[in-house]
């Protein structure tokens, strides 16, 4: 039978403190790593969101330019310069309708 020497109270306290410090250090490293990974993921999402907003602004500017080109192409001046309108007859004696006095009194 072997007799094991019992540890003194100060040795038990010391080993308990070392174990506690080791466990807390490991937990701190794990939590810090998770925090950094989470912050990195949020930063990436923020960057992607900003890029999407910039792309949306560019597309809106392109849309405005295309709309202005469409308005210019369909403007009256462009239509008046068209050869089809040159073949139309000019109005020589226009007749205007007079407004009804009953409808204007309402």
PDB file of N, CA and C in Angstrom:
ATOM      1  N   UNK A   1       0.818  -1.150   0.000  1.00  0.00           N
ATOM      2  CA  UNK A   1       0.000   0.000   0.000  1.00  0.00           C
ATOM      3  C   UNK A   1       0.883   1.241   0.000  1.00  0.00           C
ATOM      4  N   UNK A   2       0.549   2.135  -0.962  1.00  0.00           N
ATOM      5  CA  UNK A   2       1.339   3.353  -1.013  1.00  0.00           C
ATOM      6  C   UNK A   2       0.617   4.460  -0.295  1.00  0.00           C
ATOM      7  N   UNK A   3       1.348   5.177   0.368  1.00  0.00           N
ATOM      8  CA  UNK A   3       0.775   6.308   1.109  1.00  0.00           C
ATOM      9  C   UNK A   3       1.061   7.574   0.313  1.00  0.00           C
ATOM     10  N   UNK A   4      -0.022   8.298  -0.033  1.00  0.00           N
ATOM     11  CA  UNK A   4       0.151   9.549  -0.758  1.00  0.00           C
ATOM     12  C   UNK A   4       0.151  10.690   0.225  1.00  0.00           C
ATOM     13  N   UNK A   5       1.013  11.588  -0.056  1.00  0.00           N
ATOM     14  CA  UNK A   5       1.114  12.737   0.826  1.00  0.00           C
ATOM     15  C   UNK A   5      -0.032  13.697   0.514  1.00  0.00           C
ATOM     16  N   UNK A   6      -0.755  14.097   1.503  1.00  0.00           N
ATOM     17  CA  UNK A   6      -1.853  15.038   1.312  1.00  0.00           C
ATOM     18  C   UNK A   6      -1.291  16.421   1.009  1.00  0.00           C
ATOM     19  N   UNK A   7      -2.015  17.098   0.155  1.00  0.00           N
ATOM     20  CA  UNK A   7      -1.605  18.450  -0.193  1.00  0.00           C
ATOM     21  C   UNK A   7      -2.048  19.389   0.912  1.00  0.00           C
ATOM     22  N   UNK A   8      -1.232  20.373   1.098  1.00  0.00           N
ATOM     23  CA  UNK A   8      -1.581  21.364   2.121  1.00  0.00           C
ATOM     24  C   UNK A   8      -2.627  22.308   1.550  1.00  0.00           C
ATOM     25  N   UNK A   9      -3.229  23.050   2.415  1.00  0.00           N
ATOM     26  CA  UNK A   9      -4.274  23.982   2.020  1.00  0.00           C
ATOM     27  C   UNK A   9      -3.729  25.037   1.058  1.00  0.00           C
ATOM     28  N   UNK A  10      -2.541  25.519   1.283  1.00  0.00           N
ATOM     29  CA  UNK A  10      -1.961  26.540   0.409  1.00  0.00           C
ATOM     30  C   UNK A  10      -1.694  25.961  -0.981  1.00  0.00           C
ATOM     31  N   UNK A  11      -1.327  24.693  -1.079  1.00  0.00           N
ATOM     32  CA  UNK A  11      -1.116  24.065  -2.377  1.00  0.00           C
ATOM     33  C   UNK A  11      -2.444  23.898  -3.117  1.00  0.00           C
ATOM     34  N   UNK A  12      -3.488  23.545  -2.424  1.00  0.00           N
ATOM     35  CA  UNK A  12      -4.813  23.415  -3.040  1.00  0.00           C
ATOM     36  C   UNK A  12      -5.329  24.761  -3.542  1.00  0.00           C
ATOM     37  N   UNK A  13      -5.124  25.792  -2.750  1.00  0.00           N
ATOM     38  CA  UNK A  13      -5.556  27.134  -3.155  1.00  0.00           C
ATOM     39  C   UNK A  13      -4.771  27.579  -4.382  1.00  0.00           C
ATOM     40  N   UNK A  14      -3.459  27.322  -4.369  1.00  0.00           N
ATOM     41  CA  UNK A  14      -2.616  27.723  -5.489  1.00  0.00           C
ATOM     42  C   UNK A  14      -3.028  26.996  -6.774  1.00  0.00           C
ATOM     43  N   UNK A  15      -3.282  25.699  -6.705  1.00  0.00           N
ATOM     44  CA  UNK A  15      -3.694  24.955  -7.893  1.00  0.00           C
ATOM     45  C   UNK A  15      -5.089  25.394  -8.359  1.00  0.00           C
ATOM     46  N   UNK A  16      -5.952  25.737  -7.427  1.00  0.00           N
ATOM     47  CA  UNK A  16      -7.281  26.247  -7.778  1.00  0.00           C
ATOM     48  C   UNK A  16      -7.193  27.591  -8.491  1.00  0.00           C
ATOM     49  N   UNK A  17      -6.322  28.462  -8.003  1.00  0.00           N
ATOM     50  CA  UNK A  17      -6.155  29.772  -8.629  1.00  0.00           C
ATOM     51  C   UNK A  17      -5.569  29.619 -10.034  1.00  0.00           C
ATOM     52  N   UNK A  18      -4.590  28.731 -10.183  1.00  0.00           N
ATOM     53  CA  UNK A  18      -3.986  28.502 -11.502  1.00  0.00           C
ATOM     54  C   UNK A  18      -5.029  27.932 -12.461  1.00  0.00           C
ATOM     55  N   UNK A  19      -5.836  27.004 -11.993  1.00  0.00           N
ATOM     56  CA  UNK A  19      -6.895  26.436 -12.840  1.00  0.00           C
ATOM     57  C   UNK A  19      -7.910  27.513 -13.238  1.00  0.00           C
ATOM     58  N   UNK A  20      -8.272  28.334 -12.293  1.00  0.00           N
ATOM     59  CA  UNK A  20      -9.229  29.413 -12.566  1.00  0.00           C
ATOM     60  C   UNK A  20      -8.665  30.393 -13.588  1.00  0.00           C
ATOM     61  N   UNK A  21      -7.419  30.799 -13.431  1.00  0.00           N
ATOM     62  CA  UNK A  21      -6.792  31.729 -14.370  1.00  0.00           C
ATOM     63  C   UNK A  21      -6.709  31.097 -15.757  1.00  0.00           C
ATOM     64  N   UNK A  22      -6.377  29.813 -15.832  1.00  0.00           N
ATOM     65  CA  UNK A  22      -6.280  29.119 -17.121  1.00  0.00           C
ATOM     66  C   UNK A  22      -7.641  29.072 -17.811  1.00  0.00           C
ATOM     67  N   UNK A  23      -8.670  28.702 -17.075  1.00  0.00           N
ATOM     68  CA  UNK A  23     -10.014  28.616 -17.657  1.00  0.00           C
ATOM     69  C   UNK A  23     -10.499  29.998 -18.095  1.00  0.00           C
ATOM     70  N   UNK A  24     -10.277  31.007 -17.277  1.00  0.00           N
ATOM     71  CA  UNK A  24     -10.708  32.363 -17.645  1.00  0.00           C
ATOM     72  C   UNK A  24      -9.950  32.882 -18.865  1.00  0.00           C
ATOM     73  N   UNK A  25      -8.672  32.560 -18.970  1.00  0.00           N
ATOM     74  CA  UNK A  25      -7.890  32.975 -20.134  1.00  0.00           C
ATOM     75  C   UNK A  25      -8.403  32.308 -21.399  1.00  0.00           C
ATOM     76  N   UNK A  26      -8.693  31.019 -21.319  1.00  0.00           N
ATOM     77  CA  UNK A  26      -9.233  30.303 -22.480  1.00  0.00           C
ATOM     78  C   UNK A  26     -10.582  30.889 -22.879  1.00  0.00           C
ATOM     79  N   UNK A  27     -11.449  31.159 -21.913  1.00  0.00           N
ATOM     80  CA  UNK A  27     -12.755  31.767 -22.205  1.00  0.00           C
ATOM     81  C   UNK A  27     -12.592  33.152 -22.824  1.00  0.00           C
ATOM     82  N   UNK A  28     -11.650  33.929 -22.324  1.00  0.00           N
ATOM     83  CA  UNK A  28     -11.401  35.266 -22.867  1.00  0.00           C
ATOM     84  C   UNK A  28     -10.940  35.185 -24.320  1.00  0.00           C
ATOM     85  N   UNK A  29     -10.070  34.237 -24.613  1.00  0.00           N
ATOM     86  CA  UNK A  29      -9.593  34.068 -25.990  1.00  0.00           C
ATOM     87  C   UNK A  29     -10.752  33.655 -26.904  1.00  0.00           C
ATOM     88  N   UNK A  30     -11.595  32.746 -26.456  1.00  0.00           N
ATOM     89  CA  UNK A  30     -12.728  32.291 -27.269  1.00  0.00           C
ATOM     90  C   UNK A  30     -13.715  33.428 -27.513  1.00  0.00           C
ATOM     91  N   UNK A  31     -14.062  34.159 -26.464  1.00  0.00           N
ATOM     92  CA  UNK A  31     -15.023  35.263 -26.608  1.00  0.00           C
ATOM     93  C   UNK A  31     -14.439  36.362 -27.493  1.00  0.00           C
ATOM     94  N   UNK A  32     -13.161  36.667 -27.331  1.00  0.00           N
ATOM     95  CA  UNK A  32     -12.522  37.697 -28.156  1.00  0.00           C
ATOM     96  C   UNK A  32     -12.515  37.286 -29.627  1.00  0.00           C
ATOM     97  N   UNK A  33     -12.227  36.017 -29.890  1.00  0.00           N
ATOM     98  CA  UNK A  33     -12.222  35.530 -31.271  1.00  0.00           C
ATOM     99  C   UNK A  33     -13.613  35.619 -31.881  1.00  0.00           C
ATOM    100  N   UNK A  34     -14.619  35.201 -31.135  1.00  0.00           N
ATOM    101  CA  UNK A  34     -15.997  35.288 -31.642  1.00  0.00           C
ATOM    102  C   UNK A  34     -16.410  36.743 -31.878  1.00  0.00           C
ATOM    103  N   UNK A  35     -16.016  37.625 -30.985  1.00  0.00           N
ATOM    104  CA  UNK A  35     -16.333  39.040 -31.145  1.00  0.00           C
ATOM    105  C   UNK A  35     -15.687  39.608 -32.410  1.00  0.00           C
ATOM    106  N   UNK A  36     -14.426  39.309 -32.628  1.00  0.00           N
ATOM    107  CA  UNK A  36     -13.735  39.810 -33.813  1.00  0.00           C
ATOM    108  C   UNK A  36     -14.334  39.243 -35.095  1.00  0.00           C
ATOM    109  N   UNK A  37     -14.704  37.968 -35.088  1.00  0.00           N
ATOM    110  CA  UNK A  37     -15.340  37.377 -36.267  1.00  0.00           C
ATOM    111  C   UNK A  37     -16.685  38.042 -36.562  1.00  0.00           C
ATOM    112  N   UNK A  38     -17.445  38.309 -35.509  1.00  0.00           N
ATOM    113  CA  UNK A  38     -18.747  38.964 -35.663  1.00  0.00           C
ATOM    114  C   UNK A  38     -18.587  40.386 -36.197  1.00  0.00           C
ATOM    115  N   UNK A  39     -17.628  41.128 -35.658  1.00  0.00           N
ATOM    116  CA  UNK A  39     -17.412  42.499 -36.113  1.00  0.00           C
ATOM    117  C   UNK A  39     -16.926  42.517 -37.563  1.00  0.00           C
ATOM    118  N   UNK A  40     -16.116  41.560 -37.926  1.00  0.00           N
ATOM    119  CA  UNK A  40     -15.638  41.473 -39.306  1.00  0.00           C
ATOM    120  C   UNK A  40     -16.803  41.190 -40.256  1.00  0.00           C
ATOM    121  N   UNK A  41     -17.684  40.293 -39.856  1.00  0.00           N
ATOM    122  CA  UNK A  41     -18.845  39.967 -40.689  1.00  0.00           C
ATOM    123  C   UNK A  41     -19.757  41.189 -40.837  1.00  0.00           C
ATOM    124  N   UNK A  42     -19.943  41.948 -39.754  1.00  0.00           N
ATOM    125  CA  UNK A  42     -20.782  43.146 -39.832  1.00  0.00           C
ATOM    126  C   UNK A  42     -20.149  44.199 -40.723  1.00  0.00           C
ATOM    127  N   UNK A  43     -18.828  44.329 -40.646  1.00  0.00           N
ATOM    128  CA  UNK A  43     -18.141  45.301 -41.499  1.00  0.00           C
ATOM    129  C   UNK A  43     -18.285  44.918 -42.968  1.00  0.00           C
ATOM    130  N   UNK A  44     -18.195  43.629 -43.264  1.00  0.00           N
ATOM    131  CA  UNK A  44     -18.366  43.180 -44.645  1.00  0.00           C
ATOM    132  C   UNK A  44     -19.778  43.463 -45.138  1.00  0.00           C
ATOM    133  N   UNK A  45     -20.766  43.214 -44.297  1.00  0.00           N
ATOM    134  CA  UNK A  45     -22.153  43.483 -44.694  1.00  0.00           C
ATOM    135  C   UNK A  45     -22.370  44.974 -44.908  1.00  0.00           C
ATOM    136  N   UNK A  46     -21.777  45.794 -44.047  1.00  0.00           N
ATOM    137  CA  UNK A  46     -21.892  47.239 -44.208  1.00  0.00           C
ATOM    138  C   UNK A  46     -21.260  47.706 -45.505  1.00  0.00           C
ATOM    139  N   UNK A  47     -20.102  47.144 -45.845  1.00  0.00           N
ATOM    140  CA  UNK A  47     -19.425  47.502 -47.090  1.00  0.00           C
ATOM    141  C   UNK A  47     -20.267  47.081 -48.291  1.00  0.00           C
ATOM    142  N   UNK A  48     -20.809  45.874 -48.242  1.00  0.00           N
ATOM    143  CA  UNK A  48     -21.643  45.402 -49.348  1.00  0.00           C
ATOM    144  C   UNK A  48     -22.885  46.273 -49.495  1.00  0.00           C
ATOM    145  N   UNK A  49     -23.486  46.652 -48.369  1.00  0.00           N
ATOM    146  CA  UNK A  49     -24.676  47.498 -48.411  1.00  0.00           C
ATOM    147  C   UNK A  49     -24.346  48.859 -49.013  1.00  0.00           C
ATOM    148  N   UNK A  50     -23.208  49.423 -48.642  1.00  0.00           N
ATOM    149  CA  UNK A  50     -22.799  50.710 -49.202  1.00  0.00           C
ATOM    150  C   UNK A  50     -22.561  50.593 -50.702  1.00  0.00           C
ATOM    151  N   UNK A  51     -21.962  49.490 -51.148  1.00  0.00           N
ATOM    152  CA  UNK A  51     -21.734  49.286 -52.580  1.00  0.00           C
ATOM    153  C   UNK A  51     -23.062  49.175 -53.331  1.00  0.00           C
ATOM    154  N   UNK A  52     -24.037  48.518 -52.717  1.00  0.00           N
ATOM    155  CA  UNK A  52     -25.358  48.389 -53.354  1.00  0.00           C
ATOM    156  C   UNK A  52     -26.024  49.760 -53.454  1.00  0.00           C
ATOM    157  N   UNK A  53     -25.912  50.590 -52.405  1.00  0.00           N
ATOM    158  CA  UNK A  53     -26.479  51.934 -52.460  1.00  0.00           C
ATOM    159  C   UNK A  53     -25.803  52.771 -53.553  1.00  0.00           C
ATOM    160  N   UNK A  54     -24.487  52.649 -53.681  1.00  0.00           N
ATOM    161  CA  UNK A  54     -23.778  53.382 -54.725  1.00  0.00           C
ATOM    162  C   UNK A  54     -24.216  52.915 -56.109  1.00  0.00           C
ATOM    163  N   UNK A  55     -24.388  51.606 -56.259  1.00  0.00           N
ATOM    164  CA  UNK A  55     -24.843  51.062 -57.540  1.00  0.00           C
ATOM    165  C   UNK A  55     -26.258  51.556 -57.849  1.00  0.00           C
ATOM    166  N   UNK A  56     -27.111  51.608 -56.817  1.00  0.00           N
ATOM    167  CA  UNK A  56     -28.478  52.102 -57.007  1.00  0.00           C
ATOM    168  C   UNK A  56     -28.462  53.565 -57.452  1.00  0.00           C
ATOM    169  N   UNK A  57     -27.592  54.376 -56.833  1.00  0.00           N
ATOM    170  CA  UNK A  57     -27.491  55.786 -57.223  1.00  0.00           C
ATOM    171  C   UNK A  57     -27.020  55.930 -58.668  1.00  0.00           C
ATOM    172  N   UNK A  58     -26.044  55.117 -59.062  1.00  0.00           N
ATOM    173  CA  UNK A  58     -25.567  55.155 -60.445  1.00  0.00           C
ATOM    174  C   UNK A  58     -26.686  54.777 -61.419  1.00  0.00           C
ATOM    175  N   UNK A  59     -27.449  53.742 -61.073  1.00  0.00           N
ATOM    176  CA  UNK A  59     -28.545  53.320 -61.949  1.00  0.00           C
ATOM    177  C   UNK A  59     -29.632  54.389 -62.035  1.00  0.00           C
ATOM    178  N   UNK A  60     -29.879  55.078 -60.930  1.00  0.00           N
ATOM    179  CA  UNK A  60     -30.873  56.153 -60.966  1.00  0.00           C
ATOM    180  C   UNK A  60     -30.401  57.301 -61.852  1.00  0.00           C
ATOM    181  N   UNK A  61     -29.102  57.619 -61.790  1.00  0.00           N
ATOM    182  CA  UNK A  61     -28.559  58.663 -62.663  1.00  0.00           C
ATOM    183  C   UNK A  61     -28.671  58.248 -64.134  1.00  0.00           C
ATOM    184  N   UNK A  62     -28.343  56.980 -64.413  1.00  0.00           N
ATOM    185  CA  UNK A  62     -28.484  56.485 -65.784  1.00  0.00           C
ATOM    186  C   UNK A  62     -29.929  56.551 -66.245  1.00  0.00           C
ATOM    187  N   UNK A  63     -30.850  56.227 -65.345  1.00  0.00           N
ATOM    188  CA  UNK A  63     -32.280  56.282 -65.673  1.00  0.00           C
ATOM    189  C   UNK A  63     -32.706  57.713 -65.989  1.00  0.00           C
ATOM    190  N   UNK A  64     -32.205  58.681 -65.205  1.00  0.00           N
ATOM    191  CA  UNK A  64     -32.543  60.086 -65.477  1.00  0.00           C
ATOM    192  C   UNK A  64     -32.022  60.517 -66.840  1.00  0.00           C
ATOM    193  N   UNK A  65     -30.790  60.095 -67.153  1.00  0.00           N
ATOM    194  CA  UNK A  65     -30.218  60.456 -68.450  1.00  0.00           C
ATOM    195  C   UNK A  65     -31.024  59.835 -69.594  1.00  0.00           C
ATOM    196  N   UNK A  66     -31.399  58.582 -69.428  1.00  0.00           N
ATOM    197  CA  UNK A  66     -32.190  57.924 -70.473  1.00  0.00           C
ATOM    198  C   UNK A  66     -33.561  58.565 -70.620  1.00  0.00           C
ATOM    199  N   UNK A  67     -34.171  58.943 -69.506  1.00  0.00           N
ATOM    200  CA  UNK A  67     -35.471  59.620 -69.573  1.00  0.00           C
ATOM    201  C   UNK A  67     -35.351  60.966 -70.278  1.00  0.00           C
ATOM    202  N   UNK A  68     -34.279  61.702 -69.988  1.00  0.00           N
ATOM    203  CA  UNK A  68     -34.113  62.993 -70.658  1.00  0.00           C
ATOM    204  C   UNK A  68     -33.871  62.803 -72.148  1.00  0.00           C
ATOM    205  N   UNK A  69     -33.136  61.761 -72.532  1.00  0.00           N
ATOM    206  CA  UNK A  69     -32.946  61.469 -73.950  1.00  0.00           C
ATOM    207  C   UNK A  69     -34.274  61.091 -74.610  1.00  0.00           C
ATOM    208  N   UNK A  70     -35.094  60.341 -73.877  1.00  0.00           N
ATOM    209  CA  UNK A  70     -36.406  59.966 -74.410  1.00  0.00           C
ATOM    210  C   UNK A  70     -37.283  61.189 -74.610  1.00  0.00           C
ATOM    211  N   UNK A  71     -37.286  62.081 -73.645  1.00  0.00           N
ATOM    212  CA  UNK A  71     -38.093  63.299 -73.759  1.00  0.00           C
ATOM    213  C   UNK A  71     -37.590  64.147 -74.919  1.00  0.00           C
ATOM    214  N   UNK A  72     -36.292  64.236 -75.065  1.00  0.00           N
ATOM    215  CA  UNK A  72     -35.729  65.025 -76.166  1.00  0.00           C
ATOM    216  C   UNK A  72     -36.103  64.409 -77.513  1.00  0.00           C
ATOM    217  N   UNK A  73     -36.037  63.096 -77.588  1.00  0.00           N
ATOM    218  CA  UNK A  73     -36.348  62.427 -78.856  1.00  0.00           C
ATOM    219  C   UNK A  73     -37.816  62.573 -79.226  1.00  0.00           C
ATOM    220  N   UNK A  74     -38.677  62.641 -78.247  1.00  0.00           N
ATOM    221  CA  UNK A  74     -40.108  62.730 -78.543  1.00  0.00           C
ATOM    222  C   UNK A  74     -40.636  64.155 -78.415  1.00  0.00           C
ATOM    223  N   UNK A  75     -39.768  65.105 -78.290  1.00  0.00           N
ATOM    224  CA  UNK A  75     -40.233  66.483 -78.124  1.00  0.00           C
ATOM    225  C   UNK A  75     -40.878  66.985 -79.410  1.00  0.00           C
ATOM    226  N   UNK A  76     -41.616  68.035 -79.285  1.00  0.00           N
ATOM    227  CA  UNK A  76     -42.346  68.586 -80.423  1.00  0.00           C
ATOM    228  C   UNK A  76     -41.391  69.064 -81.503  1.00  0.00           C
ATOM    229  N   UNK A  77     -40.272  69.627 -81.113  1.00  0.00           N
ATOM    230  CA  UNK A  77     -39.313  70.122 -82.099  1.00  0.00           C
ATOM    231  C   UNK A  77     -38.791  68.980 -82.954  1.00  0.00           C
ATOM    232  N   UNK A  78     -38.481  67.868 -82.296  1.00  0.00           N
ATOM    233  CA  UNK A  78     -38.000  66.714 -83.043  1.00  0.00           C
ATOM    234  C   UNK A  78     -39.094  66.181 -83.962  1.00  0.00           C
ATOM    235  N   UNK A  79     -40.328  66.189 -83.473  1.00  0.00           N
ATOM    236  CA  UNK A  79     -41.437  65.720 -84.302  1.00  0.00           C
ATOM    237  C   UNK A  79     -41.702  66.671 -85.454  1.00  0.00           C
ATOM    238  N   UNK A  80     -41.570  67.959 -85.201  1.00  0.00           N
ATOM    239  CA  UNK A  80     -41.831  68.948 -86.249  1.00  0.00           C
ATOM    240  C   UNK A  80     -40.785  68.866 -87.351  1.00  0.00           C
ATOM    241  N   UNK A  81     -39.584  68.485 -87.013  1.00  0.00           N
ATOM    242  CA  UNK A  81     -38.524  68.365 -88.016  1.00  0.00           C
ATOM    243  C   UNK A  81     -38.621  67.070 -88.817  1.00  0.00           C
ATOM    244  N   UNK A  82     -39.549  66.225 -88.458  1.00  0.00           N
ATOM    245  CA  UNK A  82     -39.696  64.946 -89.134  1.00  0.00           C
ATOM    246  C   UNK A  82     -40.277  65.158 -90.536  1.00  0.00           C
ATOM    247  N   UNK A  83     -39.877  64.350 -91.490  1.00  0.00           N
ATOM    248  CA  UNK A  83     -40.333  64.481 -92.877  1.00  0.00           C
ATOM    249  C   UNK A  83     -41.826  64.201 -93.033  1.00  0.00           C
ATOM    250  N   UNK A  84     -42.396  63.377 -92.173  1.00  0.00           N
ATOM    251  CA  UNK A  84     -43.819  63.055 -92.265  1.00  0.00           C
ATOM    252  C   UNK A  84     -44.661  64.307 -92.068  1.00  0.00           C
ATOM    253  N   UNK A  85     -44.241  65.171 -91.145  1.00  0.00           N
ATOM    254  CA  UNK A  85     -45.016  66.388 -90.877  1.00  0.00           C
ATOM    255  C   UNK A  85     -44.867  67.414 -91.992  1.00  0.00           C
ATOM    256  N   UNK A  86     -43.817  67.331 -92.746  1.00  0.00           N
ATOM    257  CA  UNK A  86     -43.653  68.258 -93.867  1.00  0.00           C
ATOM    258  C   UNK A  86     -44.711  68.022 -94.942  1.00  0.00           C
ATOM    259  N   UNK A  87     -45.165  66.781 -95.067  1.00  0.00           N
ATOM    260  CA  UNK A  87     -46.161  66.443 -96.076  1.00  0.00           C
ATOM    261  C   UNK A  87     -47.578  66.842 -95.671  1.00  0.00           C
ATOM    262  N   UNK A  88     -47.794  67.206 -94.431  1.00  0.00           N
ATOM    263  CA  UNK A  88     -49.136  67.581 -93.968  1.00  0.00           C
ATOM    264  C   UNK A  88     -49.486  68.981 -94.441  1.00  0.00           C
ATOM    265  N   UNK A  89     -50.791  69.209 -94.557  1.00  0.00           N
ATOM    266  CA  UNK A  89     -51.268  70.515 -95.006  1.00  0.00           C
ATOM    267  C   UNK A  89     -51.273  71.491 -93.841  1.00  0.00           C
ATOM    268  N   UNK A  90     -50.992  72.754 -94.166  1.00  0.00           N
ATOM    269  CA  UNK A  90     -51.068  73.798 -93.151  1.00  0.00           C
ATOM    270  C   UNK A  90     -52.516  74.247 -92.990  1.00  0.00           C
ATOM    271  N   UNK A  91     -52.865  74.690 -91.814  1.00  0.00           N
ATOM    272  CA  UNK A  91     -54.215  75.193 -91.556  1.00  0.00           C
ATOM    273  C   UNK A  91     -54.270  76.616 -92.085  1.00  0.00           C
ATOM    274  N   UNK A  92     -55.196  76.857 -93.007  1.00  0.00           N
ATOM    275  CA  UNK A  92     -55.286  78.196 -93.616  1.00  0.00           C
ATOM    276  C   UNK A  92     -56.310  79.075 -92.914  1.00  0.00           C
ATOM    277  N   UNK A  93     -57.450  78.500 -92.592  1.00  0.00           N
ATOM    278  CA  UNK A  93     -58.500  79.282 -91.954  1.00  0.00           C
ATOM    279  C   UNK A  93     -59.022  78.505 -90.749  1.00  0.00           C
ATOM    280  N   UNK A  94     -58.429  78.661 -89.596  1.00  0.00           N
ATOM    281  CA  UNK A  94     -58.860  77.875 -88.438  1.00  0.00           C
ATOM    282  C   UNK A  94     -60.213  78.360 -87.922  1.00  0.00           C
ATOM    283  N   UNK A  95     -61.034  77.428 -87.485  1.00  0.00           N
ATOM    284  CA  UNK A  95     -62.331  77.749 -86.918  1.00  0.00           C
ATOM    285  C   UNK A  95     -62.294  77.358 -85.444  1.00  0.00           C
ATOM    286  N   UNK A  96     -62.593  78.328 -84.590  1.00  0.00           N
ATOM    287  CA  UNK A  96     -62.568  78.082 -83.156  1.00  0.00           C
ATOM    288  C   UNK A  96     -63.979  77.956 -82.633  1.00  0.00           C
ATOM    289  N   UNK A  97     -64.172  77.091 -81.672  1.00  0.00           N
ATOM    290  CA  UNK A  97     -65.485  76.925 -81.055  1.00  0.00           C
ATOM    291  C   UNK A  97     -65.655  77.974 -79.978  1.00  0.00           C
ATOM    292  N   UNK A  98     -66.864  78.507 -79.917  1.00  0.00           N
ATOM    293  CA  UNK A  98     -67.156  79.466 -78.862  1.00  0.00           C
ATOM    294  C   UNK A  98     -67.633  78.698 -77.639  1.00  0.00           C
ATOM    295  N   UNK A  99     -67.289  79.194 -76.483  1.00  0.00           N
ATOM    296  CA  UNK A  99     -67.708  78.522 -75.255  1.00  0.00           C
ATOM    297  C   UNK A  99     -69.176  78.757 -75.024  1.00  0.00           C
ATOM    298  N   UNK A 100     -69.831  77.757 -74.497  1.00  0.00           N
ATOM    299  CA  UNK A 100     -71.261  77.831 -74.205  1.00  0.00           C
ATOM    300  C   UNK A 100     -71.438  78.696 -72.976  1.00  0.00           C
ATOM    301  N   UNK A 101     -72.349  79.609 -73.014  1.00  0.00           N
ATOM    302  CA  UNK A 101     -72.561  80.509 -71.887  1.00  0.00           C
ATOM    303  C   UNK A 101     -73.133  79.754 -70.691  1.00  0.00           C
ATOM    304  N   UNK A 102     -73.890  78.686 -70.936  1.00  0.00           N
ATOM    305  CA  UNK A 102     -74.452  77.925 -69.821  1.00  0.00           C
ATOM    306  C   UNK A 102     -73.355  77.171 -69.061  1.00  0.00           C
ATOM    307  N   UNK A 103     -72.400  76.630 -69.767  1.00  0.00           N
ATOM    308  CA  UNK A 103     -71.360  75.879 -69.086  1.00  0.00           C
ATOM    309  C   UNK A 103     -70.390  76.807 -68.381  1.00  0.00           C
ATOM    310  N   UNK A 104     -70.230  78.028 -68.887  1.00  0.00           N
ATOM    311  CA  UNK A 104     -69.303  78.933 -68.231  1.00  0.00           C
ATOM    312  C   UNK A 104     -69.902  79.545 -66.978  1.00  0.00           C
ATOM    313  N   UNK A 105     -71.257  79.540 -66.841  1.00  0.00           N
ATOM    314  CA  UNK A 105     -71.891  80.093 -65.658  1.00  0.00           C
ATOM    315  C   UNK A 105     -71.890  79.110 -64.505  1.00  0.00           C
ATOM    316  N   UNK A 106     -71.666  77.860 -64.757  1.00  0.00           N
ATOM    317  CA  UNK A 106     -71.729  76.872 -63.685  1.00  0.00           C
ATOM    318  C   UNK A 106     -70.602  76.988 -62.744  1.00  0.00           C
TER     319      UNK A 106
END
